Amino acid sequence: LDKDFTLQLLGSGGPISDDLRASSGELVWWKGKSRVMIDAGGGVYLRFGQAGGKLEDLDFLGLSHFHTDHVADVPALLKGGYFFDREDPLDIAGPEAGSAFPSLTGYMKALFDGDEGAYAYLNGLFDGSDGLFPVTITDVPYKTSQGTKVYEQDGLTIYALGIPHGDVP
């Protein structure tokens, strides 16, 4: 049994409100710290805090796709950077654009662009200014059969691989 690694489900619900579950989100504890989060659907930020997760320990956020039940809490999660001292970037990976969906880069710009973003006041995420930590953004090709390395640090390596989900990258 590998005690260095634990997977915790923060939410497994869909985009409905009457199943009493947070939407999709998973947390990987690595060496006792909340280091990796996959998806941040509605309610996941609350569950992250209830689980004892710490944003200052989070090294990687992977977004599987841009359905709301997988990403609705991304702004809340990243805004949490105002409340503690962190300088290390948070690595974020998500799919490249396709069909009616943006790339991760396009999604982040739609949220946080300083001129037109829905949350323009959080634009400091792009460069670590204005009291926020910086993020690094990786758009992952999803039409390849090869995995894409999206994170490697402290003996932990993460690969992303595109899988079919209708017309959603």
C-alpha atoms as a PDB file:
ATOM      1  CA  LEU A   1       0.000   0.000   0.000  1.00  0.00           C
ATOM      2  CA  ASP A   2       1.479   3.341  -1.124  1.00  0.00           C
ATOM      3  CA  LYS A   3       0.824   5.791   1.709  1.00  0.00           C
ATOM      4  CA  ASP A   4       2.389   8.659  -0.269  1.00  0.00           C
ATOM      5  CA  PHE A   5      -0.588   8.759  -2.644  1.00  0.00           C
ATOM      6  CA  THR A   6      -4.304   9.103  -1.865  1.00  0.00           C
ATOM      7  CA  LEU A   7      -7.152   9.956  -4.230  1.00  0.00           C
ATOM      8  CA  GLN A   8     -10.121  11.758  -2.671  1.00  0.00           C
ATOM      9  CA  LEU A   9     -13.373  12.439  -4.505  1.00  0.00           C
ATOM     10  CA  LEU A  10     -14.582  15.941  -3.706  1.00  0.00           C
ATOM     11  CA  GLY A  11     -17.635  15.655  -5.918  1.00  0.00           C
ATOM     12  CA  SER A  12     -19.212  13.228  -8.328  1.00  0.00           C
ATOM     13  CA  GLY A  13     -22.489  14.958  -9.173  1.00  0.00           C
ATOM     14  CA  GLY A  14     -23.582  16.369 -12.468  1.00  0.00           C
ATOM     15  CA  PRO A  15     -25.110  19.724 -13.327  1.00  0.00           C
ATOM     16  CA  ILE A  16     -28.228  19.105 -11.233  1.00  0.00           C
ATOM     17  CA  SER A  17     -29.102  20.519  -7.839  1.00  0.00           C
ATOM     18  CA  ASP A  18     -31.138  17.813  -6.157  1.00  0.00           C
ATOM     19  CA  ASP A  19     -28.648  14.959  -5.815  1.00  0.00           C
ATOM     20  CA  LEU A  20     -26.929  16.462  -2.722  1.00  0.00           C
ATOM     21  CA  ARG A  21     -23.470  16.096  -4.282  1.00  0.00           C
ATOM     22  CA  ALA A  22     -20.865  18.583  -5.370  1.00  0.00           C
ATOM     23  CA  SER A  23     -20.101  18.414  -9.085  1.00  0.00           C
ATOM     24  CA  SER A  24     -16.970  16.754 -10.460  1.00  0.00           C
ATOM     25  CA  GLY A  25     -13.702  17.203  -8.596  1.00  0.00           C
ATOM     26  CA  GLU A  26     -10.890  14.960  -7.430  1.00  0.00           C
ATOM     27  CA  LEU A  27      -7.989  15.699  -5.125  1.00  0.00           C
ATOM     28  CA  VAL A  28      -4.695  13.834  -5.083  1.00  0.00           C
ATOM     29  CA  TRP A  29      -2.860  13.925  -1.793  1.00  0.00           C
ATOM     30  CA  TRP A  30       0.861  13.387  -2.369  1.00  0.00           C
ATOM     31  CA  LYS A  31       3.137  12.939   0.633  1.00  0.00           C
ATOM     32  CA  GLY A  32       0.443  14.295   2.964  1.00  0.00           C
ATOM     33  CA  LYS A  33      -0.321  17.458   0.985  1.00  0.00           C
ATOM     34  CA  SER A  34      -3.159  18.425  -1.362  1.00  0.00           C
ATOM     35  CA  ARG A  35      -0.998  18.659  -4.466  1.00  0.00           C
ATOM     36  CA  VAL A  36      -3.218  17.872  -7.471  1.00  0.00           C
ATOM     37  CA  MET A  37      -6.830  18.720  -8.277  1.00  0.00           C
ATOM     38  CA  ILE A  38      -8.665  17.413 -11.307  1.00  0.00           C
ATOM     39  CA  ASP A  39     -11.728  19.476 -12.201  1.00  0.00           C
ATOM     40  CA  ALA A  40     -13.459  22.071 -10.035  1.00  0.00           C
ATOM     41  CA  GLY A  41     -17.187  21.790 -10.614  1.00  0.00           C
ATOM     42  CA  GLY A  42     -19.790  23.563  -8.499  1.00  0.00           C
ATOM     43  CA  GLY A  43     -19.339  22.867  -4.791  1.00  0.00           C
ATOM     44  CA  VAL A  44     -15.822  21.483  -5.162  1.00  0.00           C
ATOM     45  CA  TYR A  45     -14.134  24.557  -3.664  1.00  0.00           C
ATOM     46  CA  LEU A  46     -16.203  24.122  -0.499  1.00  0.00           C
ATOM     47  CA  ARG A  47     -15.410  20.398  -0.377  1.00  0.00           C
ATOM     48  CA  PHE A  48     -11.710  21.180  -0.920  1.00  0.00           C
ATOM     49  CA  GLY A  49     -11.691  23.314   2.223  1.00  0.00           C
ATOM     50  CA  GLN A  50     -13.738  20.772   4.184  1.00  0.00           C
ATOM     51  CA  ALA A  51     -11.220  18.069   3.220  1.00  0.00           C
ATOM     52  CA  GLY A  52      -8.369  20.134   4.678  1.00  0.00           C
ATOM     53  CA  GLY A  53      -6.933  20.982   1.277  1.00  0.00           C
ATOM     54  CA  LYS A  54      -4.667  24.018   1.114  1.00  0.00           C
ATOM     55  CA  LEU A  55      -4.338  26.162  -1.967  1.00  0.00           C
ATOM     56  CA  GLU A  56      -0.750  26.942  -0.989  1.00  0.00           C
ATOM     57  CA  ASP A  57       0.043  23.201  -1.359  1.00  0.00           C
ATOM     58  CA  LEU A  58      -1.723  22.766  -4.696  1.00  0.00           C
ATOM     59  CA  ASP A  59       0.776  22.386  -7.536  1.00  0.00           C
ATOM     60  CA  PHE A  60      -1.439  21.308 -10.420  1.00  0.00           C
ATOM     61  CA  LEU A  61      -5.008  21.822 -11.581  1.00  0.00           C
ATOM     62  CA  GLY A  62      -6.191  19.678 -14.470  1.00  0.00           C
ATOM     63  CA  LEU A  63      -9.421  20.556 -16.245  1.00  0.00           C
ATOM     64  CA  SER A  64     -10.810  17.640 -18.203  1.00  0.00           C
ATOM     65  CA  HIS A  65     -13.281  19.680 -20.290  1.00  0.00           C
ATOM     66  CA  PHE A  66     -15.360  22.847 -20.128  1.00  0.00           C
ATOM     67  CA  HIS A  67     -18.801  21.601 -19.114  1.00  0.00           C
ATOM     68  CA  THR A  68     -19.929  23.713 -16.157  1.00  0.00           C
ATOM     69  CA  ASP A  69     -20.112  20.743 -13.785  1.00  0.00           C
ATOM     70  CA  HIS A  70     -16.329  20.397 -14.212  1.00  0.00           C
ATOM     71  CA  VAL A  71     -15.164  24.042 -14.057  1.00  0.00           C
ATOM     72  CA  ALA A  72     -17.722  26.293 -12.321  1.00  0.00           C
ATOM     73  CA  ASP A  73     -15.576  26.741  -9.174  1.00  0.00           C
ATOM     74  CA  VAL A  74     -12.330  27.643 -10.982  1.00  0.00           C
ATOM     75  CA  PRO A  75     -12.716  31.416 -10.330  1.00  0.00           C
ATOM     76  CA  ALA A  76     -13.437  30.853  -6.619  1.00  0.00           C
ATOM     77  CA  LEU A  77     -10.488  28.496  -6.274  1.00  0.00           C
ATOM     78  CA  LEU A  78      -8.039  30.904  -7.914  1.00  0.00           C
ATOM     79  CA  LYS A  79      -9.359  33.959  -6.070  1.00  0.00           C
ATOM     80  CA  GLY A  80      -8.357  32.174  -2.864  1.00  0.00           C
ATOM     81  CA  GLY A  81      -4.806  33.265  -3.674  1.00  0.00           C
ATOM     82  CA  TYR A  82      -5.540  36.665  -2.162  1.00  0.00           C
ATOM     83  CA  PHE A  83      -5.700  35.163   1.299  1.00  0.00           C
ATOM     84  CA  PHE A  84      -2.226  33.711   1.745  1.00  0.00           C
ATOM     85  CA  ASP A  85       1.346  34.270   0.606  1.00  0.00           C
ATOM     86  CA  ARG A  86       2.223  32.131  -2.394  1.00  0.00           C
ATOM     87  CA  GLU A  87       4.740  32.930  -5.092  1.00  0.00           C
ATOM     88  CA  ASP A  88       5.037  29.561  -6.832  1.00  0.00           C
ATOM     89  CA  PRO A  89       2.985  29.270  -9.998  1.00  0.00           C
ATOM     90  CA  LEU A  90       0.033  26.907 -10.158  1.00  0.00           C
ATOM     91  CA  ASP A  91       0.297  24.740 -13.257  1.00  0.00           C
ATOM     92  CA  ILE A  92      -3.049  24.394 -15.017  1.00  0.00           C
ATOM     93  CA  ALA A  93      -3.681  22.092 -17.980  1.00  0.00           C
ATOM     94  CA  GLY A  94      -6.811  21.676 -20.077  1.00  0.00           C
ATOM     95  CA  PRO A  95      -7.859  20.851 -23.608  1.00  0.00           C
ATOM     96  CA  GLU A  96      -7.141  22.816 -26.733  1.00  0.00           C
ATOM     97  CA  ALA A  97     -10.123  24.368 -28.532  1.00  0.00           C
ATOM     98  CA  GLY A  98     -12.613  22.329 -30.506  1.00  0.00           C
ATOM     99  CA  SER A  99     -16.271  22.310 -31.522  1.00  0.00           C
ATOM    100  CA  ALA A 100     -18.065  25.048 -29.529  1.00  0.00           C
ATOM    101  CA  PHE A 101     -15.526  24.974 -26.703  1.00  0.00           C
ATOM    102  CA  PRO A 102     -12.499  27.206 -26.076  1.00  0.00           C
ATOM    103  CA  SER A 103      -8.979  26.126 -25.313  1.00  0.00           C
ATOM    104  CA  LEU A 104      -7.798  26.438 -21.731  1.00  0.00           C
ATOM    105  CA  THR A 105      -6.017  29.627 -22.813  1.00  0.00           C
ATOM    106  CA  GLY A 106      -9.265  30.999 -24.266  1.00  0.00           C
ATOM    107  CA  TYR A 107     -11.225  29.981 -21.182  1.00  0.00           C
ATOM    108  CA  MET A 108      -8.761  31.699 -18.850  1.00  0.00           C
ATOM    109  CA  LYS A 109      -8.825  34.860 -20.988  1.00  0.00           C
ATOM    110  CA  ALA A 110     -12.636  34.882 -20.979  1.00  0.00           C
ATOM    111  CA  LEU A 111     -12.553  34.736 -17.191  1.00  0.00           C
ATOM    112  CA  PHE A 112      -9.538  36.840 -16.236  1.00  0.00           C
ATOM    113  CA  ASP A 113      -8.508  39.107 -19.127  1.00  0.00           C
ATOM    114  CA  GLY A 114      -7.866  42.580 -17.719  1.00  0.00           C
ATOM    115  CA  ASP A 115     -10.041  44.324 -20.299  1.00  0.00           C
ATOM    116  CA  GLU A 116     -12.862  41.942 -21.146  1.00  0.00           C
ATOM    117  CA  GLY A 117     -12.717  39.083 -18.654  1.00  0.00           C
ATOM    118  CA  ALA A 118     -15.715  38.222 -16.508  1.00  0.00           C
ATOM    119  CA  TYR A 119     -13.404  38.524 -13.485  1.00  0.00           C
ATOM    120  CA  ALA A 120     -10.986  41.148 -14.831  1.00  0.00           C
ATOM    121  CA  TYR A 121     -10.039  42.116 -11.279  1.00  0.00           C
ATOM    122  CA  LEU A 122      -8.219  38.759 -11.028  1.00  0.00           C
ATOM    123  CA  ASN A 123      -5.990  39.498 -14.053  1.00  0.00           C
ATOM    124  CA  GLY A 124      -2.924  39.329 -11.776  1.00  0.00           C
ATOM    125  CA  LEU A 125      -3.116  35.536 -12.098  1.00  0.00           C
ATOM    126  CA  PHE A 126      -1.393  35.813 -15.465  1.00  0.00           C
ATOM    127  CA  ASP A 127       1.768  37.399 -14.055  1.00  0.00           C
ATOM    128  CA  GLY A 128       1.572  37.021 -10.278  1.00  0.00           C
ATOM    129  CA  SER A 129       0.738  40.685  -9.656  1.00  0.00           C
ATOM    130  CA  ASP A 130      -1.920  42.410  -7.565  1.00  0.00           C
ATOM    131  CA  GLY A 131      -1.562  40.063  -4.608  1.00  0.00           C
ATOM    132  CA  LEU A 132      -2.127  36.877  -6.603  1.00  0.00           C
ATOM    133  CA  PHE A 133       0.121  33.952  -7.450  1.00  0.00           C
ATOM    134  CA  PRO A 134       0.894  33.296 -11.127  1.00  0.00           C
ATOM    135  CA  VAL A 135      -0.538  30.440 -13.154  1.00  0.00           C
ATOM    136  CA  THR A 136       1.030  28.581 -16.044  1.00  0.00           C
ATOM    137  CA  ILE A 137      -1.354  27.392 -18.732  1.00  0.00           C
ATOM    138  CA  THR A 138      -0.956  24.329 -20.944  1.00  0.00           C
ATOM    139  CA  ASP A 139      -3.375  23.613 -23.785  1.00  0.00           C
ATOM    140  CA  VAL A 140      -3.387  19.846 -24.291  1.00  0.00           C
ATOM    141  CA  PRO A 141      -3.977  18.268 -27.710  1.00  0.00           C
ATOM    142  CA  TYR A 142      -6.860  15.841 -27.386  1.00  0.00           C
ATOM    143  CA  LYS A 143      -6.886  14.157 -30.802  1.00  0.00           C
ATOM    144  CA  THR A 144      -3.617  12.309 -30.330  1.00  0.00           C
ATOM    145  CA  SER A 145      -3.207   8.771 -29.053  1.00  0.00           C
ATOM    146  CA  GLN A 146      -0.055   9.868 -27.217  1.00  0.00           C
ATOM    147  CA  GLY A 147      -0.230  11.183 -23.676  1.00  0.00           C
ATOM    148  CA  THR A 148       1.070  14.701 -23.089  1.00  0.00           C
ATOM    149  CA  LYS A 149       3.253  15.290 -20.054  1.00  0.00           C
ATOM    150  CA  VAL A 150       1.665  18.211 -18.205  1.00  0.00           C
ATOM    151  CA  TYR A 151       3.453  18.105 -14.853  1.00  0.00           C
ATOM    152  CA  GLU A 152       6.603  16.644 -13.309  1.00  0.00           C
ATOM    153  CA  GLN A 153       7.961  17.484  -9.877  1.00  0.00           C
ATOM    154  CA  ASP A 154       8.979  15.758  -6.637  1.00  0.00           C
ATOM    155  CA  GLY A 155       8.654  12.265  -8.110  1.00  0.00           C
ATOM    156  CA  LEU A 156       5.138  12.903  -9.428  1.00  0.00           C
ATOM    157  CA  THR A 157       4.489  12.896 -13.189  1.00  0.00           C
ATOM    158  CA  ILE A 158       1.109  13.628 -14.771  1.00  0.00           C
ATOM    159  CA  TYR A 159       0.101  12.882 -18.344  1.00  0.00           C
ATOM    160  CA  ALA A 160      -3.079  14.066 -20.068  1.00  0.00           C
ATOM    161  CA  LEU A 161      -4.780  11.997 -22.736  1.00  0.00           C
ATOM    162  CA  GLY A 162      -7.791  12.957 -24.837  1.00  0.00           C
ATOM    163  CA  ILE A 163     -10.790  10.665 -24.630  1.00  0.00           C
ATOM    164  CA  PRO A 164     -14.095  10.812 -26.537  1.00  0.00           C
ATOM    165  CA  HIS A 165     -16.865  12.842 -24.836  1.00  0.00           C
ATOM    166  CA  GLY A 166     -19.262  13.632 -27.651  1.00  0.00           C
ATOM    167  CA  ASP A 167     -18.141  16.794 -29.427  1.00  0.00           C
ATOM    168  CA  VAL A 168     -16.378  18.123 -26.303  1.00  0.00           C
ATOM    169  CA  PRO A 169     -12.580  18.336 -26.400  1.00  0.00           C
END
